[in-house]
N, C-alpha and C. Protein backbone atom coordinates (compact mmCIF):
# COMPACT_ATOMS: atom_id res chain seq x y z
N MET A 1 1.64 -3.38 -11.57
CA MET A 1 0.53 -3.18 -10.50
C MET A 1 0.89 -2.85 -9.26
N SER A 2 0.54 -1.74 -8.29
CA SER A 2 0.89 -1.60 -7.26
C SER A 2 -0.14 -2.08 -6.09
N THR A 3 0.47 -2.68 -5.38
CA THR A 3 -0.12 -3.41 -4.04
C THR A 3 -0.09 -2.42 -3.05
N TYR A 4 0.12 -1.24 -3.06
CA TYR A 4 0.51 -0.07 -2.00
C TYR A 4 -1.12 0.20 -1.50
N GLU A 5 -1.32 0.37 -0.35
CA GLU A 5 -2.66 0.95 0.18
C GLU A 5 -2.10 1.35 1.50
N TYR A 6 -2.49 2.83 1.59
CA TYR A 6 -1.88 3.64 2.62
C TYR A 6 -2.72 3.47 3.79
N GLU A 7 -2.68 3.39 4.89
CA GLU A 7 -3.18 3.06 6.15
C GLU A 7 -2.96 4.19 7.22
N PRO A 8 -3.90 4.85 7.24
CA PRO A 8 -4.22 6.14 8.01
C PRO A 8 -3.94 6.11 9.31
N LEU A 9 -3.37 6.56 10.15
CA LEU A 9 -3.21 6.76 11.66
C LEU A 9 -4.42 7.04 12.14
N TRP A 10 -5.11 8.13 11.74
CA TRP A 10 -6.60 8.53 12.36
C TRP A 10 -7.53 8.09 11.61
N ASP A 11 -8.86 7.85 12.27
CA ASP A 11 -10.10 7.23 11.56
C ASP A 11 -10.64 8.53 10.92
N SER A 12 -10.26 9.52 11.39
CA SER A 12 -10.92 10.84 10.52
C SER A 12 -9.99 11.77 9.63
N PRO A 13 -10.54 11.54 8.27
CA PRO A 13 -9.28 12.24 7.49
C PRO A 13 -9.12 13.58 7.69
N THR A 14 -9.94 14.36 8.20
CA THR A 14 -9.58 15.82 8.83
C THR A 14 -8.36 15.73 9.29
N LYS A 15 -8.62 14.92 10.64
CA LYS A 15 -7.65 14.61 11.43
C LYS A 15 -6.15 14.20 10.87
N GLU A 16 -6.17 13.11 9.94
CA GLU A 16 -5.01 12.45 9.15
C GLU A 16 -4.72 13.93 8.40
N LEU A 17 -5.29 14.74 7.65
CA LEU A 17 -4.81 15.57 7.01
C LEU A 17 -4.07 16.52 7.73
N ARG A 18 -4.52 16.89 8.99
CA ARG A 18 -3.99 18.35 9.86
C ARG A 18 -2.69 17.61 10.24
N THR A 19 -2.59 16.39 10.82
CA THR A 19 -1.48 15.82 11.34
C THR A 19 -0.27 15.39 10.10
N LYS A 20 -0.90 14.95 8.99
CA LYS A 20 0.19 14.56 7.86
C LYS A 20 1.05 15.85 7.19
N LEU A 21 -0.01 16.89 7.38
CA LEU A 21 0.37 18.36 6.66
C LEU A 21 1.40 18.91 7.67
N ASN A 22 0.95 18.72 8.94
CA ASN A 22 1.93 19.15 9.94
C ASN A 22 3.67 18.69 9.66
N ILE A 23 3.71 17.28 9.42
CA ILE A 23 4.84 16.50 9.16
C ILE A 23 5.44 16.84 7.77
N TYR A 24 4.50 17.06 6.96
CA TYR A 24 5.01 17.53 5.42
C TYR A 24 5.46 18.81 5.41
N ARG A 25 5.02 19.82 6.03
CA ARG A 25 5.33 21.04 6.14
C ARG A 25 6.67 21.09 7.14
N HIS A 26 6.98 20.50 8.01
CA HIS A 26 8.05 20.42 8.56
C HIS A 26 9.41 19.98 7.87
N MET A 27 9.08 18.79 7.02
CA MET A 27 9.92 18.11 6.31
C MET A 27 10.55 18.97 5.26
N ILE A 28 9.46 19.83 4.54
CA ILE A 28 9.84 21.11 3.44
C ILE A 28 10.87 22.31 4.29
N GLU A 29 10.43 22.88 5.62
CA GLU A 29 10.81 23.75 6.37
C GLU A 29 12.63 23.42 6.69
N CYS A 30 12.80 22.11 6.98
CA CYS A 30 13.77 21.49 7.41
C CYS A 30 14.78 20.84 6.27
N LEU A 31 13.99 20.70 5.21
CA LEU A 31 14.72 19.68 4.07
C LEU A 31 16.26 19.73 4.04
N TYR A 32 16.72 20.97 4.07
CA TYR A 32 18.49 21.11 3.41
C TYR A 32 19.13 20.68 4.97
N THR A 33 18.42 20.27 6.04
CA THR A 33 19.10 19.91 7.41
C THR A 33 19.05 18.57 7.17
N LEU A 34 17.91 17.76 6.81
CA LEU A 34 17.78 16.45 6.89
C LEU A 34 18.58 15.49 6.11
N ASP A 35 18.83 14.03 6.54
CA ASP A 35 19.59 13.20 5.74
C ASP A 35 18.67 12.54 4.90
N ASP A 36 19.40 11.68 4.07
CA ASP A 36 18.51 10.86 3.25
C ASP A 36 17.09 9.88 3.95
N MET A 37 17.41 9.34 4.91
CA MET A 37 16.73 8.52 5.36
C MET A 37 15.56 9.26 6.23
N GLU A 38 15.91 10.18 6.44
CA GLU A 38 15.03 11.18 7.47
C GLU A 38 14.14 11.66 6.63
N VAL A 39 14.53 12.30 5.31
CA VAL A 39 13.75 12.70 3.81
C VAL A 39 12.57 11.46 3.42
N VAL A 40 13.39 10.29 3.57
CA VAL A 40 12.65 9.30 3.08
C VAL A 40 11.49 8.86 4.24
N ALA A 41 11.70 8.89 5.21
CA ALA A 41 10.72 8.80 6.36
C ALA A 41 9.74 9.79 6.56
N TYR A 42 10.03 10.98 6.28
CA TYR A 42 8.74 12.08 6.53
C TYR A 42 8.06 11.95 5.18
N LEU A 43 8.35 11.37 3.94
CA LEU A 43 8.00 11.55 3.00
C LEU A 43 6.54 10.88 2.86
N SER A 44 6.56 9.90 3.61
CA SER A 44 5.04 8.93 3.48
C SER A 44 4.06 9.88 4.39
N ALA A 45 4.45 11.02 4.89
CA ALA A 45 3.36 11.90 5.26
C ALA A 45 2.51 12.73 4.20
N ARG A 46 3.05 12.90 3.10
CA ARG A 46 2.65 13.42 1.94
C ARG A 46 1.76 12.37 1.37
N ASP A 47 1.90 10.87 1.65
CA ASP A 47 1.01 9.98 0.95
C ASP A 47 -0.17 10.23 1.91
N GLY A 48 -0.17 10.62 3.34
CA GLY A 48 -1.38 10.56 4.11
C GLY A 48 -2.05 12.00 3.82
N VAL A 49 -1.52 12.95 3.33
CA VAL A 49 -1.97 14.29 2.86
C VAL A 49 -2.92 13.88 1.53
N ALA A 50 -2.40 13.06 0.58
CA ALA A 50 -3.30 12.84 -0.73
C ALA A 50 -4.14 12.06 -0.29
N TRP A 51 -3.98 11.10 0.68
CA TRP A 51 -5.20 10.06 0.91
C TRP A 51 -6.49 10.71 1.64
N ALA A 52 -5.78 11.58 2.66
CA ALA A 52 -7.12 12.57 3.26
C ALA A 52 -7.74 13.51 2.49
N ILE A 53 -7.15 14.35 1.44
CA ILE A 53 -7.74 15.11 0.36
C ILE A 53 -8.52 14.05 -0.31
N LYS A 54 -8.24 12.77 -0.55
CA LYS A 54 -8.90 12.01 -1.54
C LYS A 54 -10.55 11.88 -0.87
N GLN A 55 -10.25 11.59 0.40
CA GLN A 55 -11.27 10.86 1.44
C GLN A 55 -12.29 12.01 1.68
N LEU A 56 -11.95 13.07 1.53
CA LEU A 56 -12.63 14.40 1.92
C LEU A 56 -13.15 14.89 0.57
N ASP A 57 -13.18 14.46 -0.43
CA ASP A 57 -13.80 14.32 -1.79
C ASP A 57 -14.37 15.80 -2.06
N GLY A 58 -13.29 16.69 -1.96
CA GLY A 58 -13.68 18.18 -2.11
C GLY A 58 -13.81 19.06 -1.14
N LYS A 59 -13.91 18.82 -0.25
CA LYS A 59 -14.72 19.15 1.01
C LYS A 59 -13.04 19.67 1.90
N VAL A 60 -11.98 20.56 1.19
CA VAL A 60 -11.27 20.66 1.81
C VAL A 60 -11.01 22.36 1.82
N ASP A 61 -10.61 22.68 2.71
CA ASP A 61 -10.32 24.28 2.86
C ASP A 61 -9.62 24.74 2.01
N PRO A 62 -10.00 25.77 0.69
CA PRO A 62 -8.92 25.98 -0.38
C PRO A 62 -7.47 26.45 0.11
N ASP A 63 -7.45 27.39 1.64
CA ASP A 63 -6.08 27.63 1.97
C ASP A 63 -5.16 26.48 2.20
N ILE A 64 -5.93 25.28 2.49
CA ILE A 64 -5.21 24.30 3.01
C ILE A 64 -4.58 23.66 1.55
N LEU A 65 -5.81 23.68 0.53
CA LEU A 65 -5.32 22.88 -0.81
C LEU A 65 -3.96 23.72 -1.31
N ALA A 66 -4.09 24.97 -1.04
CA ALA A 66 -2.96 26.26 -1.66
C ALA A 66 -1.53 26.07 -0.97
N GLU A 67 -1.81 25.69 0.43
CA GLU A 67 -0.47 25.38 1.27
C GLU A 67 0.28 23.99 0.44
N VAL A 68 -0.71 23.10 0.64
CA VAL A 68 -0.13 22.01 -0.18
C VAL A 68 0.38 22.28 -1.43
N GLU A 69 -0.07 22.89 -2.37
CA GLU A 69 0.31 23.44 -3.72
C GLU A 69 1.46 23.96 -3.62
N GLU A 70 1.88 24.87 -2.67
CA GLU A 70 2.79 25.58 -2.45
C GLU A 70 4.00 24.79 -1.97
N LEU A 71 3.82 23.84 -0.85
CA LEU A 71 4.89 22.79 -0.48
C LEU A 71 5.13 21.93 -1.28
N ASP A 72 4.39 21.50 -2.45
CA ASP A 72 4.68 20.61 -3.48
C ASP A 72 5.66 21.43 -4.22
N GLY A 73 5.08 22.51 -4.57
CA GLY A 73 6.13 23.24 -5.45
C GLY A 73 7.72 23.49 -5.01
N ARG A 74 7.93 23.79 -3.35
CA ARG A 74 8.92 23.82 -3.04
C ARG A 74 9.76 22.33 -3.12
N PHE A 75 8.94 21.29 -2.88
CA PHE A 75 9.44 19.94 -3.11
C PHE A 75 10.21 19.64 -4.34
N ARG A 76 9.30 20.12 -5.27
CA ARG A 76 9.70 19.63 -6.77
C ARG A 76 10.94 20.54 -6.89
N ALA A 77 10.90 21.82 -6.76
CA ALA A 77 11.97 23.06 -6.78
C ALA A 77 13.41 22.26 -6.25
N ALA A 78 13.43 21.56 -5.18
CA ALA A 78 14.52 20.59 -4.67
C ALA A 78 14.89 19.32 -5.30
N ALA A 79 14.19 18.93 -6.33
CA ALA A 79 14.52 17.64 -6.99
C ALA A 79 16.05 17.32 -7.24
N ASP A 80 16.64 18.46 -7.66
CA ASP A 80 18.10 18.20 -7.94
C ASP A 80 18.94 17.59 -6.87
N TYR A 81 18.54 18.53 -5.74
CA TYR A 81 19.17 18.29 -4.42
C TYR A 81 18.92 17.04 -3.97
N LEU A 82 17.50 16.84 -4.17
CA LEU A 82 17.11 15.30 -3.53
C LEU A 82 17.71 14.02 -4.43
N VAL A 83 17.77 14.37 -5.59
CA VAL A 83 18.20 13.14 -6.37
C VAL A 83 19.81 12.96 -6.21
N HIS A 84 20.53 14.13 -6.45
CA HIS A 84 21.80 13.87 -6.81
C HIS A 84 22.80 14.11 -5.57
N GLU A 85 22.12 15.05 -4.75
CA GLU A 85 23.23 15.21 -3.27
C GLU A 85 22.59 14.33 -2.29
N LEU A 86 21.18 14.42 -1.91
CA LEU A 86 20.84 13.32 -0.80
C LEU A 86 20.44 11.71 -1.61
N ASP A 87 20.36 11.69 -2.80
CA ASP A 87 20.38 10.20 -3.54
C ASP A 87 19.00 9.45 -2.55
N ILE A 88 18.06 10.29 -2.29
CA ILE A 88 17.04 9.64 -1.50
C ILE A 88 16.57 8.90 -2.48
N TYR A 89 16.45 8.46 -3.71
CA TYR A 89 15.55 7.52 -4.41
C TYR A 89 16.79 6.36 -4.79
N GLY A 90 18.03 6.31 -4.49
CA GLY A 90 18.77 5.38 -4.58
C GLY A 90 18.69 3.90 -4.31
N ASP A 91 18.17 3.80 -3.07
CA ASP A 91 18.27 2.70 -2.63
C ASP A 91 16.72 2.10 -1.75
N ILE A 92 15.86 2.58 -2.38
CA ILE A 92 14.36 2.67 -1.69
C ILE A 92 13.70 1.69 -2.75
N TRP A 93 12.93 0.81 -2.24
CA TRP A 93 11.65 0.32 -3.00
C TRP A 93 10.85 0.72 -3.14
N ARG A 94 9.74 0.73 -4.18
CA ARG A 94 8.98 1.60 -4.43
C ARG A 94 7.45 0.61 -4.80
N ASP A 95 6.64 0.95 -4.20
CA ASP A 95 5.36 0.30 -4.53
C ASP A 95 3.77 1.42 -4.57
N GLU A 96 4.44 2.67 -4.52
CA GLU A 96 3.40 3.72 -4.22
C GLU A 96 2.93 3.74 -5.85
N PRO A 97 1.76 4.15 -6.15
CA PRO A 97 1.22 4.45 -7.14
C PRO A 97 2.01 5.42 -7.89
N GLU A 98 1.91 5.45 -9.43
CA GLU A 98 2.49 6.29 -10.19
C GLU A 98 2.36 8.20 -9.81
N GLU A 99 0.99 8.23 -9.28
CA GLU A 99 0.23 9.38 -9.30
C GLU A 99 0.97 10.22 -8.17
N TYR A 100 1.55 9.35 -6.97
CA TYR A 100 2.00 9.73 -6.10
C TYR A 100 3.85 10.36 -6.40
N TRP A 101 3.92 11.13 -7.19
CA TRP A 101 4.81 11.93 -8.08
C TRP A 101 6.20 12.10 -6.93
N TRP A 102 5.64 12.21 -5.80
CA TRP A 102 6.89 12.72 -4.93
C TRP A 102 8.07 11.36 -4.41
N TRP A 103 7.36 10.51 -4.88
CA TRP A 103 8.14 8.88 -4.63
C TRP A 103 9.09 8.91 -6.22
N TYR A 104 8.82 9.43 -6.91
CA TYR A 104 9.43 9.55 -8.29
C TYR A 104 10.10 10.44 -8.81
N LEU A 105 10.46 11.70 -8.31
CA LEU A 105 10.89 12.56 -8.95
C LEU A 105 12.44 12.31 -9.41
N ASP A 106 12.86 11.44 -9.67
CA ASP A 106 14.23 10.98 -10.10
C ASP A 106 13.99 10.35 -11.29
N GLY A 107 12.67 10.09 -11.82
CA GLY A 107 12.07 9.76 -13.18
C GLY A 107 12.22 8.07 -12.94
N GLY A 108 12.11 7.55 -11.64
CA GLY A 108 11.93 6.21 -11.41
C GLY A 108 10.56 5.51 -11.91
N GLN A 109 10.12 4.43 -11.91
CA GLN A 109 8.79 3.86 -11.91
C GLN A 109 8.73 2.71 -10.59
N PRO A 110 7.54 2.55 -10.42
CA PRO A 110 7.21 1.44 -9.19
C PRO A 110 8.00 0.09 -9.60
N ASP A 111 8.59 -0.75 -8.36
CA ASP A 111 9.03 -1.62 -8.49
C ASP A 111 8.35 -3.02 -8.64
N PRO A 112 8.50 -3.51 -9.88
CA PRO A 112 7.52 -4.44 -10.40
C PRO A 112 7.49 -5.71 -9.13
N GLY A 113 6.62 -6.00 -8.64
CA GLY A 113 6.07 -7.00 -7.76
C GLY A 113 6.18 -6.71 -6.46
N GLY A 114 6.12 -5.24 -6.38
CA GLY A 114 6.44 -5.08 -4.86
C GLY A 114 7.38 -5.00 -4.09
N ILE A 115 6.88 -5.09 -2.86
CA ILE A 115 8.22 -5.01 -1.93
C ILE A 115 9.00 -6.42 -1.99
N PRO A 116 10.00 -6.66 -2.07
CA PRO A 116 10.96 -7.90 -2.02
C PRO A 116 10.77 -8.33 -0.40
N SER A 117 10.64 -9.95 -0.26
CA SER A 117 11.01 -10.62 0.80
C SER A 117 12.33 -9.68 1.34
N ALA A 118 12.54 -10.44 2.68
CA ALA A 118 13.68 -10.02 3.41
C ALA A 118 14.83 -11.13 2.49
N GLU A 119 14.63 -12.21 2.17
CA GLU A 119 15.58 -13.15 1.58
C GLU A 119 16.18 -12.22 0.29
N GLU A 120 15.10 -11.84 -0.44
CA GLU A 120 15.21 -11.39 -1.69
C GLU A 120 16.15 -10.03 -1.59
N GLN A 121 15.92 -9.16 -0.86
CA GLN A 121 16.63 -7.90 -0.24
C GLN A 121 18.09 -8.34 0.24
N HIS A 122 18.32 -9.25 0.91
CA HIS A 122 19.54 -9.63 1.09
C HIS A 122 20.42 -10.31 -0.06
N ARG A 123 19.91 -11.01 -0.73
CA ARG A 123 20.31 -11.50 -2.08
C ARG A 123 20.84 -10.36 -2.89
N TRP A 124 19.73 -9.20 -2.91
CA TRP A 124 20.46 -8.39 -4.01
C TRP A 124 21.25 -7.42 -3.56
N THR A 125 21.26 -7.27 -1.76
CA THR A 125 22.30 -6.58 -1.18
C THR A 125 23.86 -7.00 -1.41
N MET A 126 23.65 -8.51 -1.32
CA MET A 126 25.05 -8.91 -1.34
C MET A 126 25.44 -9.23 -3.00
N GLU A 127 24.76 -9.29 -3.64
CA GLU A 127 25.05 -8.99 -5.68
C GLU A 127 25.81 -7.75 -5.63
N MET A 128 25.05 -6.45 -4.80
CA MET A 128 25.50 -5.19 -5.09
C MET A 128 26.98 -5.40 -4.58
N LEU A 129 27.14 -5.62 -3.46
CA LEU A 129 28.46 -5.47 -2.45
C LEU A 129 29.23 -6.17 -3.48
N LYS A 130 28.97 -7.20 -4.06
CA LYS A 130 30.01 -7.84 -4.96
C LYS A 130 30.19 -7.08 -5.88
N ALA A 131 29.31 -7.04 -6.70
CA ALA A 131 29.48 -6.12 -8.12
C ALA A 131 30.14 -4.64 -7.85
N GLU A 132 29.88 -4.21 -6.77
CA GLU A 132 31.00 -2.78 -6.50
C GLU A 132 32.60 -3.33 -6.01
N LYS A 133 32.61 -4.50 -5.71
CA LYS A 133 33.68 -5.04 -5.34
C LYS A 133 34.35 -4.38 -3.89
N MET A 134 33.37 -4.90 -3.14
CA MET A 134 33.65 -4.33 -1.41
C MET A 134 33.97 -5.39 -0.93
N PRO A 135 35.02 -6.03 -0.78
CA PRO A 135 35.29 -7.27 -0.11
C PRO A 135 35.05 -6.87 1.44
N GLY A 136 35.28 -6.11 2.01
CA GLY A 136 35.26 -5.75 3.19
C GLY A 136 34.00 -5.59 3.78
N ALA A 137 33.05 -5.01 2.91
CA ALA A 137 31.52 -5.03 3.42
C ALA A 137 31.11 -6.19 3.17
N ILE A 138 31.26 -7.30 2.36
CA ILE A 138 30.78 -8.64 2.04
C ILE A 138 31.27 -9.35 3.06
N GLU A 139 32.48 -9.29 3.65
CA GLU A 139 32.93 -9.92 4.92
C GLU A 139 31.96 -9.57 6.27
N MET A 140 31.74 -8.27 6.34
CA MET A 140 31.11 -7.86 7.35
C MET A 140 29.48 -8.22 7.29
N ALA A 141 29.09 -8.39 6.16
CA ALA A 141 27.79 -8.90 6.01
C ALA A 141 27.50 -10.27 5.88
N GLU A 142 28.49 -10.99 5.70
CA GLU A 142 28.83 -12.46 6.21
C GLU A 142 28.82 -12.79 7.72
N GLU A 143 29.64 -12.04 8.24
CA GLU A 143 29.90 -11.97 9.92
C GLU A 143 28.33 -12.07 10.58
N ARG A 144 27.42 -11.11 10.00
CA ARG A 144 26.15 -10.49 10.55
C ARG A 144 25.63 -11.62 10.40
N GLU A 145 25.62 -12.45 9.20
CA GLU A 145 24.79 -13.54 8.76
C GLU A 145 24.96 -14.84 9.66
N GLU A 146 26.29 -14.98 10.07
CA GLU A 146 26.67 -15.83 10.85
C GLU A 146 26.26 -15.63 12.30
N TYR A 147 26.18 -14.29 12.62
CA TYR A 147 25.70 -14.03 13.89
C TYR A 147 24.16 -14.20 14.16
N LYS A 148 23.40 -13.84 12.89
CA LYS A 148 22.28 -13.88 12.94
C LYS A 148 21.62 -15.40 13.19
N THR A 149 22.34 -16.28 12.75
CA THR A 149 21.79 -17.53 12.37
C THR A 149 22.14 -18.50 13.40
N GLY A 150 23.10 -18.00 14.33
CA GLY A 150 23.76 -18.41 15.68
C GLY A 150 25.09 -19.41 15.03
N GLU A 151 25.32 -19.42 14.10
CA GLU A 151 26.49 -20.47 13.71
C GLU A 151 27.83 -19.93 14.31
N GLU A 152 28.52 -20.77 14.63
CA GLU A 152 29.92 -20.54 15.54
C GLU A 152 30.89 -20.55 14.09
N LYS A 153 31.88 -19.17 14.35
CA LYS A 153 32.85 -19.14 13.54
C LYS A 153 33.72 -20.16 13.36
């Protein structure tokens, strides 16, 4: 079960749609010049577009709906690039509803239990580093942990 709830920036769904559509449009136009983190950061704008369209309950300019459909088509067409080249879905936690297909182009599913706590994320990261046998990365992570907790070496 998803616990995700979109939080709009604007009170007006029309203004939210206009703002988030501009961001989504920019992402699609620049898709092949952005890195994975930038795409993931921009992708939440598509959530805003979906939220605003739902709030406006059918009272959206057909030209805007057509543009969203066209942008979505371009995003879907880039799925192979997004999944294999940028690997935008590799290390993200997903709590968005499954109908927000843009978060699941890799065929993934929402993560059970929602977003993990910072402690769970740290534990998971350390286990991944050990599994990948990256001793240098493990040592660096352990040093950062000592620094964070204020422990002396």
